[in-house]
PDB file of N, CA and C in Angstrom:
ATOM      1  N   LYS A   1     118.823  84.229  97.454  1.00  0.00           N
ATOM      2  CA  LYS A   1     118.331  85.664  96.906  1.00  0.00           C
ATOM      3  C   LYS A   1     117.408  86.079  98.037  1.00  0.00           C
ATOM      4  N   ARG A   2     117.514  87.387  98.647  1.00  0.00           N
ATOM      5  CA  ARG A   2     116.526  87.961  99.700  1.00  0.00           C
ATOM      6  C   ARG A   2     115.302  88.383  99.319  1.00  0.00           C
ATOM      7  N   LYS A   3     114.162  88.323  99.734  1.00  0.00           N
ATOM      8  CA  LYS A   3     112.942  88.501  99.682  1.00  0.00           C
ATOM      9  C   LYS A   3     112.744  89.866  99.864  1.00  0.00           C
ATOM     10  N   GLU A   4     112.239  90.740  99.049  1.00  0.00           N
ATOM     11  CA  GLU A   4     111.952  91.995  99.473  1.00  0.00           C
ATOM     12  C   GLU A   4     110.458  91.960 100.149  1.00  0.00           C
ATOM     13  N   THR A   5     110.397  92.754 101.085  1.00  0.00           N
ATOM     14  CA  THR A   5     108.922  92.972 101.760  1.00  0.00           C
ATOM     15  C   THR A   5     108.434  94.081 101.512  1.00  0.00           C
ATOM     16  N   ILE A   6     107.330  93.946 100.802  1.00  0.00           N
ATOM     17  CA  ILE A   6     106.673  95.345 100.401  1.00  0.00           C
ATOM     18  C   ILE A   6     105.300  95.808 101.436  1.00  0.00           C
ATOM     19  N   MET A   7     105.927  96.429 102.097  1.00  0.00           N
ATOM     20  CA  MET A   7     105.054  97.235 103.098  1.00  0.00           C
ATOM     21  C   MET A   7     104.295  98.192 102.435  1.00  0.00           C
ATOM     22  N   ALA A   8     103.013  98.776 102.784  1.00  0.00           N
ATOM     23  CA  ALA A   8     102.333  99.774 102.397  1.00  0.00           C
ATOM     24  C   ALA A   8     101.789 100.644 103.464  1.00  0.00           C
ATOM     25  N   VAL A   9     101.348 101.813 103.179  1.00  0.00           N
ATOM     26  CA  VAL A   9     101.073 102.601 104.198  1.00  0.00           C
ATOM     27  C   VAL A   9      99.337 101.942 104.552  1.00  0.00           C
ATOM     28  N   LEU A  10      99.176 101.765 105.602  1.00  0.00           N
ATOM     29  CA  LEU A  10      98.053 101.240 106.114  1.00  0.00           C
ATOM     30  C   LEU A  10      97.196 102.352 106.048  1.00  0.00           C
ATOM     31  N   ASN A  11      95.766 101.855 105.915  1.00  0.00           N
ATOM     32  CA  ASN A  11      94.472 102.722 105.897  1.00  0.00           C
ATOM     33  C   ASN A  11      93.870 102.339 107.043  1.00  0.00           C
ATOM     34  N   VAL A  12      93.933 103.141 108.093  1.00  0.00           N
ATOM     35  CA  VAL A  12      92.962 103.247 109.308  1.00  0.00           C
ATOM     36  C   VAL A  12      91.512 103.527 109.189  1.00  0.00           C
ATOM     37  N   ASN A  13      90.730 103.004 110.231  1.00  0.00           N
ATOM     38  CA  ASN A  13      89.307 103.462 110.301  1.00  0.00           C
ATOM     39  C   ASN A  13      88.745 103.299 111.470  1.00  0.00           C
ATOM     40  N   GLN A  14      87.416 103.572 111.755  1.00  0.00           N
ATOM     41  CA  GLN A  14      86.653 103.546 113.026  1.00  0.00           C
ATOM     42  C   GLN A  14      86.892 101.748 113.372  1.00  0.00           C
ATOM     43  N   GLU A  15      86.610 101.215 112.354  1.00  0.00           N
ATOM     44  CA  GLU A  15      86.920  99.486 112.500  1.00  0.00           C
ATOM     45  C   GLU A  15      87.870  98.958 113.239  1.00  0.00           C
ATOM     46  N   ASN A  16      89.057  99.582 112.758  1.00  0.00           N
ATOM     47  CA  ASN A  16      90.134  98.623 112.607  1.00  0.00           C
ATOM     48  C   ASN A  16      91.258  99.614 113.553  1.00  0.00           C
ATOM     49  N   PHE A  17      90.841 100.914 114.062  1.00  0.00           N
ATOM     50  CA  PHE A  17      92.015 101.444 114.715  1.00  0.00           C
ATOM     51  C   PHE A  17      92.374 101.104 116.114  1.00  0.00           C
ATOM     52  N   GLU A  18      91.396 100.453 117.107  1.00  0.00           N
ATOM     53  CA  GLU A  18      92.035 100.002 118.028  1.00  0.00           C
ATOM     54  C   GLU A  18      92.906  98.799 118.005  1.00  0.00           C
ATOM     55  N   ARG A  19      92.725  97.952 117.122  1.00  0.00           N
ATOM     56  CA  ARG A  19      93.562  96.794 116.670  1.00  0.00           C
ATOM     57  C   ARG A  19      94.770  97.123 116.206  1.00  0.00           C
ATOM     58  N   GLU A  20      94.646  98.160 114.780  1.00  0.00           N
ATOM     59  CA  GLU A  20      95.865  98.096 114.182  1.00  0.00           C
ATOM     60  C   GLU A  20      96.845  99.606 114.694  1.00  0.00           C
ATOM     61  N   VAL A  21      96.227 100.195 115.613  1.00  0.00           N
ATOM     62  CA  VAL A  21      96.982 101.484 116.167  1.00  0.00           C
ATOM     63  C   VAL A  21      97.401 101.179 117.585  1.00  0.00           C
ATOM     64  N   LEU A  22      95.978 101.248 118.532  1.00  0.00           N
ATOM     65  CA  LEU A  22      96.129 101.168 119.971  1.00  0.00           C
ATOM     66  C   LEU A  22      96.728 100.024 120.156  1.00  0.00           C
ATOM     67  N   GLY A  23      96.625  98.766 119.643  1.00  0.00           N
ATOM     68  CA  GLY A  23      97.316  97.327 120.069  1.00  0.00           C
ATOM     69  C   GLY A  23      98.316  97.077 119.262  1.00  0.00           C
ATOM     70  N   ALA A  24      98.905  98.018 118.284  1.00  0.00           N
ATOM     71  CA  ALA A  24     100.500  97.610 117.911  1.00  0.00           C
ATOM     72  C   ALA A  24     101.298  97.597 118.944  1.00  0.00           C
ATOM     73  N   ALA A  25     102.278  96.670 118.492  1.00  0.00           N
ATOM     74  CA  ALA A  25     103.550  96.248 119.378  1.00  0.00           C
ATOM     75  C   ALA A  25     104.457  97.197 118.982  1.00  0.00           C
ATOM     76  N   GLN A  26     104.283  97.948 118.101  1.00  0.00           N
ATOM     77  CA  GLN A  26     105.653  98.873 117.740  1.00  0.00           C
ATOM     78  C   GLN A  26     104.959 100.157 117.433  1.00  0.00           C
ATOM     79  N   PRO A  27     105.767 101.710 117.504  1.00  0.00           N
ATOM     80  CA  PRO A  27     105.088 102.455 117.277  1.00  0.00           C
ATOM     81  C   PRO A  27     104.280 102.900 116.076  1.00  0.00           C
ATOM     82  N   VAL A  28     103.464 104.025 115.965  1.00  0.00           N
ATOM     83  CA  VAL A  28     102.145 104.027 114.646  1.00  0.00           C
ATOM     84  C   VAL A  28     102.206 105.169 114.562  1.00  0.00           C
ATOM     85  N   LEU A  29     102.840 105.693 113.328  1.00  0.00           N
ATOM     86  CA  LEU A  29     102.280 107.039 113.018  1.00  0.00           C
ATOM     87  C   LEU A  29     101.314 107.152 112.422  1.00  0.00           C
ATOM     88  N   VAL A  30     100.129 108.304 112.675  1.00  0.00           N
ATOM     89  CA  VAL A  30      98.920 108.411 111.856  1.00  0.00           C
ATOM     90  C   VAL A  30      99.057 109.590 111.379  1.00  0.00           C
ATOM     91  N   ASP A  31      98.374 109.490 110.159  1.00  0.00           N
ATOM     92  CA  ASP A  31      98.735 110.915 109.123  1.00  0.00           C
ATOM     93  C   ASP A  31      96.955 110.884 109.251  1.00  0.00           C
ATOM     94  N   PHE A  32      96.605 112.215 109.750  1.00  0.00           N
ATOM     95  CA  PHE A  32      95.453 112.544 109.758  1.00  0.00           C
ATOM     96  C   PHE A  32      94.698 113.376 108.704  1.00  0.00           C
ATOM     97  N   TRP A  33      94.206 113.162 107.637  1.00  0.00           N
ATOM     98  CA  TRP A  33      93.872 113.582 106.654  1.00  0.00           C
ATOM     99  C   TRP A  33      93.130 113.672 105.868  1.00  0.00           C
ATOM    100  N   ALA A  34      92.435 114.275 104.635  1.00  0.00           N
ATOM    101  CA  ALA A  34      91.444 113.891 103.973  1.00  0.00           C
ATOM    102  C   ALA A  34      91.523 114.163 102.206  1.00  0.00           C
ATOM    103  N   PRO A  35      90.598 113.400 101.793  1.00  0.00           N
ATOM    104  CA  PRO A  35      91.117 113.682 100.213  1.00  0.00           C
ATOM    105  C   PRO A  35      90.931 115.162  99.309  1.00  0.00           C
ATOM    106  N   TRP A  36      90.154 116.129 100.006  1.00  0.00           N
ATOM    107  CA  TRP A  36      89.775 117.366  99.445  1.00  0.00           C
ATOM    108  C   TRP A  36      91.156 118.241  99.760  1.00  0.00           C
ATOM    109  N   CYS A  37      91.895 117.680 100.932  1.00  0.00           N
ATOM    110  CA  CYS A  37      92.848 118.651 101.363  1.00  0.00           C
ATOM    111  C   CYS A  37      94.137 118.388 100.402  1.00  0.00           C
ATOM    112  N   GLY A  38      94.343 119.605  99.936  1.00  0.00           N
ATOM    113  CA  GLY A  38      95.222 119.952  98.862  1.00  0.00           C
ATOM    114  C   GLY A  38      96.913 119.608  99.621  1.00  0.00           C
ATOM    115  N   TYR A  39      97.281 120.066 100.827  1.00  0.00           N
ATOM    116  CA  TYR A  39      98.559 120.082 101.388  1.00  0.00           C
ATOM    117  C   TYR A  39      98.689 118.590 101.731  1.00  0.00           C
ATOM    118  N   CYS A  40      97.221 117.761 102.095  1.00  0.00           N
ATOM    119  CA  CYS A  40      97.640 116.583 102.684  1.00  0.00           C
ATOM    120  C   CYS A  40      98.165 115.457 101.290  1.00  0.00           C
ATOM    121  N   ARG A  41      97.478 115.985 100.163  1.00  0.00           N
ATOM    122  CA  ARG A  41      97.842 115.253  99.059  1.00  0.00           C
ATOM    123  C   ARG A  41      99.310 115.369  98.771  1.00  0.00           C
ATOM    124  N   ARG A  42     100.050 116.714  98.800  1.00  0.00           N
ATOM    125  CA  ARG A  42     101.267 116.859  98.279  1.00  0.00           C
ATOM    126  C   ARG A  42     102.388 116.401  99.733  1.00  0.00           C
ATOM    127  N   LEU A  43     101.543 115.992 100.943  1.00  0.00           N
ATOM    128  CA  LEU A  43     102.170 115.171 102.226  1.00  0.00           C
ATOM    129  C   LEU A  43     102.229 113.834 101.929  1.00  0.00           C
ATOM    130  N   ALA A  44     101.223 113.231 101.124  1.00  0.00           N
ATOM    131  CA  ALA A  44     101.607 111.958 100.838  1.00  0.00           C
ATOM    132  C   ALA A  44     102.762 111.398 100.551  1.00  0.00           C
ATOM    133  N   PRO A  45     103.430 111.666  99.495  1.00  0.00           N
ATOM    134  CA  PRO A  45     104.669 111.030  98.806  1.00  0.00           C
ATOM    135  C   PRO A  45     105.707 111.027 100.297  1.00  0.00           C
ATOM    136  N   VAL A  46     105.647 111.941 100.940  1.00  0.00           N
ATOM    137  CA  VAL A  46     106.775 111.991 101.988  1.00  0.00           C
ATOM    138  C   VAL A  46     106.141 110.650 103.387  1.00  0.00           C
ATOM    139  N   VAL A  47     104.987 110.743 103.515  1.00  0.00           N
ATOM    140  CA  VAL A  47     104.445 109.867 104.479  1.00  0.00           C
ATOM    141  C   VAL A  47     104.854 108.380 103.838  1.00  0.00           C
ATOM    142  N   GLU A  48     104.838 108.133 102.527  1.00  0.00           N
ATOM    143  CA  GLU A  48     105.134 107.030 102.134  1.00  0.00           C
ATOM    144  C   GLU A  48     106.606 106.521 102.135  1.00  0.00           C
ATOM    145  N   ARG A  49     107.518 107.734 101.858  1.00  0.00           N
ATOM    146  CA  ARG A  49     108.675 107.620 101.866  1.00  0.00           C
ATOM    147  C   ARG A  49     109.351 107.252 103.377  1.00  0.00           C
ATOM    148  N   LEU A  50     108.713 107.961 104.282  1.00  0.00           N
ATOM    149  CA  LEU A  50     108.981 107.471 105.599  1.00  0.00           C
ATOM    150  C   LEU A  50     108.498 106.013 106.150  1.00  0.00           C
ATOM    151  N   GLU A  51     107.453 105.589 105.537  1.00  0.00           N
ATOM    152  CA  GLU A  51     107.089 103.924 105.711  1.00  0.00           C
ATOM    153  C   GLU A  51     107.996 103.085 105.340  1.00  0.00           C
ATOM    154  N   LYS A  52     109.124 103.130 104.047  1.00  0.00           N
ATOM    155  CA  LYS A  52     109.758 102.783 103.794  1.00  0.00           C
ATOM    156  C   LYS A  52     111.053 102.786 104.522  1.00  0.00           C
ATOM    157  N   GLN A  53     111.716 104.294 104.932  1.00  0.00           N
ATOM    158  CA  GLN A  53     112.634 104.170 105.520  1.00  0.00           C
ATOM    159  C   GLN A  53     112.472 103.826 107.261  1.00  0.00           C
ATOM    160  N   TRP A  54     111.427 103.792 107.632  1.00  0.00           N
ATOM    161  CA  TRP A  54     111.327 103.680 109.230  1.00  0.00           C
ATOM    162  C   TRP A  54     110.786 102.125 109.309  1.00  0.00           C
ATOM    163  N   ALA A  55     110.754 101.391 107.978  1.00  0.00           N
ATOM    164  CA  ALA A  55     110.010 100.266 108.086  1.00  0.00           C
ATOM    165  C   ALA A  55     110.776  99.223 109.318  1.00  0.00           C
ATOM    166  N   GLY A  56     110.026  98.422 110.013  1.00  0.00           N
ATOM    167  CA  GLY A  56     110.580  97.763 111.130  1.00  0.00           C
ATOM    168  C   GLY A  56     110.802  98.438 112.483  1.00  0.00           C
ATOM    169  N   LYS A  57     110.707  99.980 112.150  1.00  0.00           N
ATOM    170  CA  LYS A  57     110.773 100.624 113.554  1.00  0.00           C
ATOM    171  C   LYS A  57     109.478 101.120 113.886  1.00  0.00           C
ATOM    172  N   LEU A  58     108.645 101.590 112.626  1.00  0.00           N
ATOM    173  CA  LEU A  58     107.641 102.386 112.821  1.00  0.00           C
ATOM    174  C   LEU A  58     106.468 101.866 111.759  1.00  0.00           C
ATOM    175  N   LEU A  59     105.116 101.788 112.253  1.00  0.00           N
ATOM    176  CA  LEU A  59     104.324 101.675 111.499  1.00  0.00           C
ATOM    177  C   LEU A  59     103.676 103.075 110.929  1.00  0.00           C
ATOM    178  N   VAL A  60     103.265 103.119 109.658  1.00  0.00           N
ATOM    179  CA  VAL A  60     102.787 104.075 109.207  1.00  0.00           C
ATOM    180  C   VAL A  60     101.344 104.070 108.802  1.00  0.00           C
ATOM    181  N   ALA A  61     100.253 104.833 109.208  1.00  0.00           N
ATOM    182  CA  ALA A  61      98.897 104.826 108.866  1.00  0.00           C
ATOM    183  C   ALA A  61      98.338 106.007 108.462  1.00  0.00           C
ATOM    184  N   LYS A  62      97.314 106.130 107.440  1.00  0.00           N
ATOM    185  CA  LYS A  62      96.538 107.368 107.190  1.00  0.00           C
ATOM    186  C   LYS A  62      95.233 106.988 107.682  1.00  0.00           C
ATOM    187  N   LEU A  63      94.568 108.015 107.781  1.00  0.00           N
ATOM    188  CA  LEU A  63      93.156 108.161 108.442  1.00  0.00           C
ATOM    189  C   LEU A  63      92.476 109.286 107.931  1.00  0.00           C
ATOM    190  N   ASP A  64      91.159 108.988 107.072  1.00  0.00           N
ATOM    191  CA  ASP A  64      90.471 109.949 106.221  1.00  0.00           C
ATOM    192  C   ASP A  64      89.675 110.409 107.490  1.00  0.00           C
ATOM    193  N   ILE A  65      89.867 111.608 107.876  1.00  0.00           N
ATOM    194  CA  ILE A  65      89.129 112.116 108.938  1.00  0.00           C
ATOM    195  C   ILE A  65      87.682 112.517 108.582  1.00  0.00           C
ATOM    196  N   ASP A  66      87.147 112.253 107.296  1.00  0.00           N
ATOM    197  CA  ASP A  66      85.857 112.536 106.838  1.00  0.00           C
ATOM    198  C   ASP A  66      85.118 111.050 106.967  1.00  0.00           C
ATOM    199  N   GLU A  67      85.901 109.940 107.059  1.00  0.00           N
ATOM    200  CA  GLU A  67      85.493 108.689 107.319  1.00  0.00           C
ATOM    201  C   GLU A  67      85.466 108.130 109.024  1.00  0.00           C
ATOM    202  N   ALA A  68      85.971 108.945 109.580  1.00  0.00           N
ATOM    203  CA  ALA A  68      86.372 108.854 111.017  1.00  0.00           C
ATOM    204  C   ALA A  68      86.148 110.090 111.835  1.00  0.00           C
ATOM    205  N   PRO A  69      85.252 111.042 111.694  1.00  0.00           N
ATOM    206  CA  PRO A  69      85.172 111.995 112.516  1.00  0.00           C
ATOM    207  C   PRO A  69      85.308 111.602 113.880  1.00  0.00           C
ATOM    208  N   ALA A  70      84.805 110.683 114.514  1.00  0.00           N
ATOM    209  CA  ALA A  70      84.767 110.460 115.828  1.00  0.00           C
ATOM    210  C   ALA A  70      86.442 110.309 116.637  1.00  0.00           C
ATOM    211  N   LEU A  71      87.231 109.595 115.595  1.00  0.00           N
ATOM    212  CA  LEU A  71      88.289 109.643 115.676  1.00  0.00           C
ATOM    213  C   LEU A  71      89.275 110.992 115.784  1.00  0.00           C
ATOM    214  N   ALA A  72      88.884 111.774 115.016  1.00  0.00           N
ATOM    215  CA  ALA A  72      89.596 113.020 114.664  1.00  0.00           C
ATOM    216  C   ALA A  72      89.243 113.860 116.069  1.00  0.00           C
ATOM    217  N   GLU A  73      87.806 113.927 116.372  1.00  0.00           N
ATOM    218  CA  GLU A  73      87.376 114.539 117.663  1.00  0.00           C
ATOM    219  C   GLU A  73      88.389 113.940 118.782  1.00  0.00           C
ATOM    220  N   ARG A  74      88.456 112.687 118.905  1.00  0.00           N
ATOM    221  CA  ARG A  74      88.890 112.074 120.166  1.00  0.00           C
ATOM    222  C   ARG A  74      90.339 112.558 120.073  1.00  0.00           C
ATOM    223  N   TYR A  75      91.121 112.904 119.286  1.00  0.00           N
ATOM    224  CA  TYR A  75      92.368 113.316 119.450  1.00  0.00           C
ATOM    225  C   TYR A  75      92.589 114.844 119.272  1.00  0.00           C
ATOM    226  N   GLY A  76      91.526 115.325 118.989  1.00  0.00           N
ATOM    227  CA  GLY A  76      91.757 116.952 118.932  1.00  0.00           C
ATOM    228  C   GLY A  76      92.309 117.316 117.669  1.00  0.00           C
ATOM    229  N   ILE A  77      91.818 116.741 116.426  1.00  0.00           N
ATOM    230  CA  ILE A  77      92.538 117.136 115.508  1.00  0.00           C
ATOM    231  C   ILE A  77      91.433 118.312 114.864  1.00  0.00           C
ATOM    232  N   ASP A  78      92.319 119.573 114.792  1.00  0.00           N
ATOM    233  CA  ASP A  78      91.357 120.573 114.280  1.00  0.00           C
ATOM    234  C   ASP A  78      91.768 121.051 112.637  1.00  0.00           C
ATOM    235  N   THR A  79      93.099 120.892 112.546  1.00  0.00           N
ATOM    236  CA  THR A  79      94.056 121.246 111.023  1.00  0.00           C
ATOM    237  C   THR A  79      94.364 119.807 110.679  1.00  0.00           C
ATOM    238  N   ILE A  80      94.245 119.784 109.530  1.00  0.00           N
ATOM    239  CA  ILE A  80      95.179 118.701 108.710  1.00  0.00           C
ATOM    240  C   ILE A  80      95.987 119.181 107.455  1.00  0.00           C
ATOM    241  N   PRO A  81      97.085 118.579 107.357  1.00  0.00           N
ATOM    242  CA  PRO A  81      97.514 117.117 107.854  1.00  0.00           C
ATOM    243  C   PRO A  81      97.757 117.575 109.328  1.00  0.00           C
ATOM    244  N   THR A  82      97.689 116.367 110.263  1.00  0.00           N
ATOM    245  CA  THR A  82      98.162 116.366 111.534  1.00  0.00           C
ATOM    246  C   THR A  82      98.620 114.757 111.721  1.00  0.00           C
ATOM    247  N   LEU A  83      99.943 114.551 112.156  1.00  0.00           N
ATOM    248  CA  LEU A  83     100.588 113.532 112.504  1.00  0.00           C
ATOM    249  C   LEU A  83     100.584 113.521 114.045  1.00  0.00           C
ATOM    250  N   LEU A  84     100.434 112.053 114.334  1.00  0.00           N
ATOM    251  CA  LEU A  84     100.529 111.951 115.627  1.00  0.00           C
ATOM    252  C   LEU A  84     101.068 110.462 115.985  1.00  0.00           C
ATOM    253  N   VAL A  85     102.097 110.145 116.759  1.00  0.00           N
ATOM    254  CA  VAL A  85     102.750 109.052 116.949  1.00  0.00           C
ATOM    255  C   VAL A  85     101.832 108.197 118.167  1.00  0.00           C
ATOM    256  N   PHE A  86     101.271 106.944 117.756  1.00  0.00           N
ATOM    257  CA  PHE A  86     101.172 106.079 119.388  1.00  0.00           C
ATOM    258  C   PHE A  86     101.978 105.326 119.600  1.00  0.00           C
ATOM    259  N   GLN A  87     102.252 105.239 120.830  1.00  0.00           N
ATOM    260  CA  GLN A  87     103.124 103.937 121.363  1.00  0.00           C
ATOM    261  C   GLN A  87     102.336 103.475 122.839  1.00  0.00           C
ATOM    262  N   GLY A  88     102.387 102.509 122.887  1.00  0.00           N
ATOM    263  CA  GLY A  88     101.491 101.735 123.908  1.00  0.00           C
ATOM    264  C   GLY A  88     100.319 102.029 123.927  1.00  0.00           C
ATOM    265  N   GLY A  89      99.213 102.578 122.832  1.00  0.00           N
ATOM    266  CA  GLY A  89      98.223 102.886 122.873  1.00  0.00           C
ATOM    267  C   GLY A  89      97.973 104.430 123.219  1.00  0.00           C
ATOM    268  N   LYS A  90      99.091 105.162 123.701  1.00  0.00           N
ATOM    269  CA  LYS A  90      98.885 106.243 123.848  1.00  0.00           C
ATOM    270  C   LYS A  90      99.574 107.434 122.565  1.00  0.00           C
ATOM    271  N   ALA A  91      98.689 108.431 122.651  1.00  0.00           N
ATOM    272  CA  ALA A  91      99.307 109.743 121.522  1.00  0.00           C
ATOM    273  C   ALA A  91     100.159 110.424 122.187  1.00  0.00           C
ATOM    274  N   GLY A  92     101.255 110.565 121.306  1.00  0.00           N
ATOM    275  CA  GLY A  92     102.008 111.522 121.779  1.00  0.00           C
ATOM    276  C   GLY A  92     101.732 113.103 121.244  1.00  0.00           C
ATOM    277  N   GLU A  93     102.601 113.952 121.325  1.00  0.00           N
ATOM    278  CA  GLU A  93     102.554 115.521 120.611  1.00  0.00           C
ATOM    279  C   GLU A  93     102.095 115.381 119.359  1.00  0.00           C
ATOM    280  N   PRO A  94     101.125 116.131 118.895  1.00  0.00           N
ATOM    281  CA  PRO A  94     100.647 115.977 117.181  1.00  0.00           C
ATOM    282  C   PRO A  94     101.937 117.211 116.788  1.00  0.00           C
ATOM    283  N   LEU A  95     102.002 116.740 115.482  1.00  0.00           N
ATOM    284  CA  LEU A  95     102.741 117.626 114.463  1.00  0.00           C
ATOM    285  C   LEU A  95     101.846 118.076 113.107  1.00  0.00           C
ATOM    286  N   VAL A  96     101.455 119.196 113.479  1.00  0.00           N
ATOM    287  CA  VAL A  96     100.284 119.845 112.531  1.00  0.00           C
ATOM    288  C   VAL A  96     101.456 120.432 111.137  1.00  0.00           C
ATOM    289  N   ASN A  97     100.751 120.259 110.046  1.00  0.00           N
ATOM    290  CA  ASN A  97     101.283 120.762 108.836  1.00  0.00           C
ATOM    291  C   ASN A  97     102.694 120.770 108.835  1.00  0.00           C
ATOM    292  N   PRO A  98     103.558 119.524 108.913  1.00  0.00           N
ATOM    293  CA  PRO A  98     105.185 119.482 108.675  1.00  0.00           C
ATOM    294  C   PRO A  98     105.394 120.141 107.474  1.00  0.00           C
ATOM    295  N   GLY A  99     106.265 120.996 107.228  1.00  0.00           N
ATOM    296  CA  GLY A  99     106.801 121.627 106.509  1.00  0.00           C
ATOM    297  C   GLY A  99     108.119 120.879 105.576  1.00  0.00           C
ATOM    298  N   SER A 100     108.766 119.639 106.178  1.00  0.00           N
ATOM    299  CA  SER A 100     109.606 118.751 105.372  1.00  0.00           C
ATOM    300  C   SER A 100     109.661 117.664 106.045  1.00  0.00           C
ATOM    301  N   MET A 101     110.492 116.693 105.593  1.00  0.00           N
ATOM    302  CA  MET A 101     110.551 115.621 105.895  1.00  0.00           C
ATOM    303  C   MET A 101     111.583 115.572 106.913  1.00  0.00           C
ATOM    304  N   ALA A 102     112.602 116.308 106.985  1.00  0.00           N
ATOM    305  CA  ALA A 102     113.502 116.792 108.216  1.00  0.00           C
ATOM    306  C   ALA A 102     112.947 117.014 109.296  1.00  0.00           C
ATOM    307  N   GLN A 103     111.945 117.902 109.316  1.00  0.00           N
ATOM    308  CA  GLN A 103     110.985 118.490 110.565  1.00  0.00           C
ATOM    309  C   GLN A 103     110.398 117.215 111.019  1.00  0.00           C
ATOM    310  N   ILE A 104     109.895 116.194 110.138  1.00  0.00           N
ATOM    311  CA  ILE A 104     109.025 114.914 110.781  1.00  0.00           C
ATOM    312  C   ILE A 104     110.221 114.253 111.391  1.00  0.00           C
ATOM    313  N   GLU A 105     111.370 114.067 111.053  1.00  0.00           N
ATOM    314  CA  GLU A 105     112.418 113.439 111.360  1.00  0.00           C
ATOM    315  C   GLU A 105     112.453 113.831 112.804  1.00  0.00           C
ATOM    316  N   ALA A 106     112.787 115.134 112.757  1.00  0.00           N
ATOM    317  CA  ALA A 106     113.242 115.621 114.132  1.00  0.00           C
ATOM    318  C   ALA A 106     111.931 115.117 115.255  1.00  0.00           C
ATOM    319  N   TRP A 107     110.806 115.524 114.668  1.00  0.00           N
ATOM    320  CA  TRP A 107     109.944 115.584 115.558  1.00  0.00           C
ATOM    321  C   TRP A 107     109.653 113.825 116.210  1.00  0.00           C
ATOM    322  N   LEU A 108     109.954 113.086 115.211  1.00  0.00           N
ATOM    323  CA  LEU A 108     109.907 111.570 115.319  1.00  0.00           C
ATOM    324  C   LEU A 108     110.985 111.289 116.536  1.00  0.00           C
ATOM    325  N   ALA A 109     112.087 111.840 116.596  1.00  0.00           N
ATOM    326  CA  ALA A 109     113.494 111.861 117.339  1.00  0.00           C
ATOM    327  C   ALA A 109     113.163 112.204 118.743  1.00  0.00           C
ATOM    328  N   GLU A 110     112.308 113.387 118.561  1.00  0.00           N
ATOM    329  CA  GLU A 110     112.037 114.043 120.391  1.00  0.00           C
ATOM    330  C   GLU A 110     111.086 112.966 120.738  1.00  0.00           C
ATOM    331  N   GLY A 111     110.104 112.274 120.125  1.00  0.00           N
ATOM    332  CA  GLY A 111     109.148 111.612 120.709  1.00  0.00           C
ATOM    333  C   GLY A 111     109.718 110.160 120.939  1.00  0.00           C
ATOM    334  N   GLY A 112     110.616 110.133 121.001  1.00  0.00           N
ATOM    335  CA  GLY A 112     111.686 108.702 121.363  1.00  0.00           C
ATOM    336  C   GLY A 112     111.061 107.946 120.513  1.00  0.00           C
ATOM    337  N   VAL A 113     110.994 108.003 119.163  1.00  0.00           N
ATOM    338  CA  VAL A 113     110.866 106.969 118.200  1.00  0.00           C
ATOM    339  C   VAL A 113     112.365 106.771 117.456  1.00  0.00           C
ATOM    340  N   GLU A 114     113.079 105.757 117.469  1.00  0.00           N
ATOM    341  CA  GLU A 114     114.487 105.647 116.818  1.00  0.00           C
ATOM    342  C   GLU A 114     114.479 104.701 115.894  1.00  0.00           C
TER     343      GLU A 114
END
């Protein structure tokens, strides 16, 4: 019988960002969001689907900008939701207000995540 690995979207914050995102061995997609953002809440199921689809290739994390404003500022997040992929501790090009799963997947491929 195969054991199912149940992964979940990782919640990152000021305290664990360095370790979980910048220190990760594999690429990490970070969803910069806030609870009051309606579009962010609508995007949440898509982010969760990405986590399942890309398990093993990509870590998926959410960062509440209200709880970590310094990180949002550090990465130039003006509009939410904004997605960023970190590889080897460096941020790639941001994807602001993605319109669809297909757009996110194309953006991931352009950023070298396979």
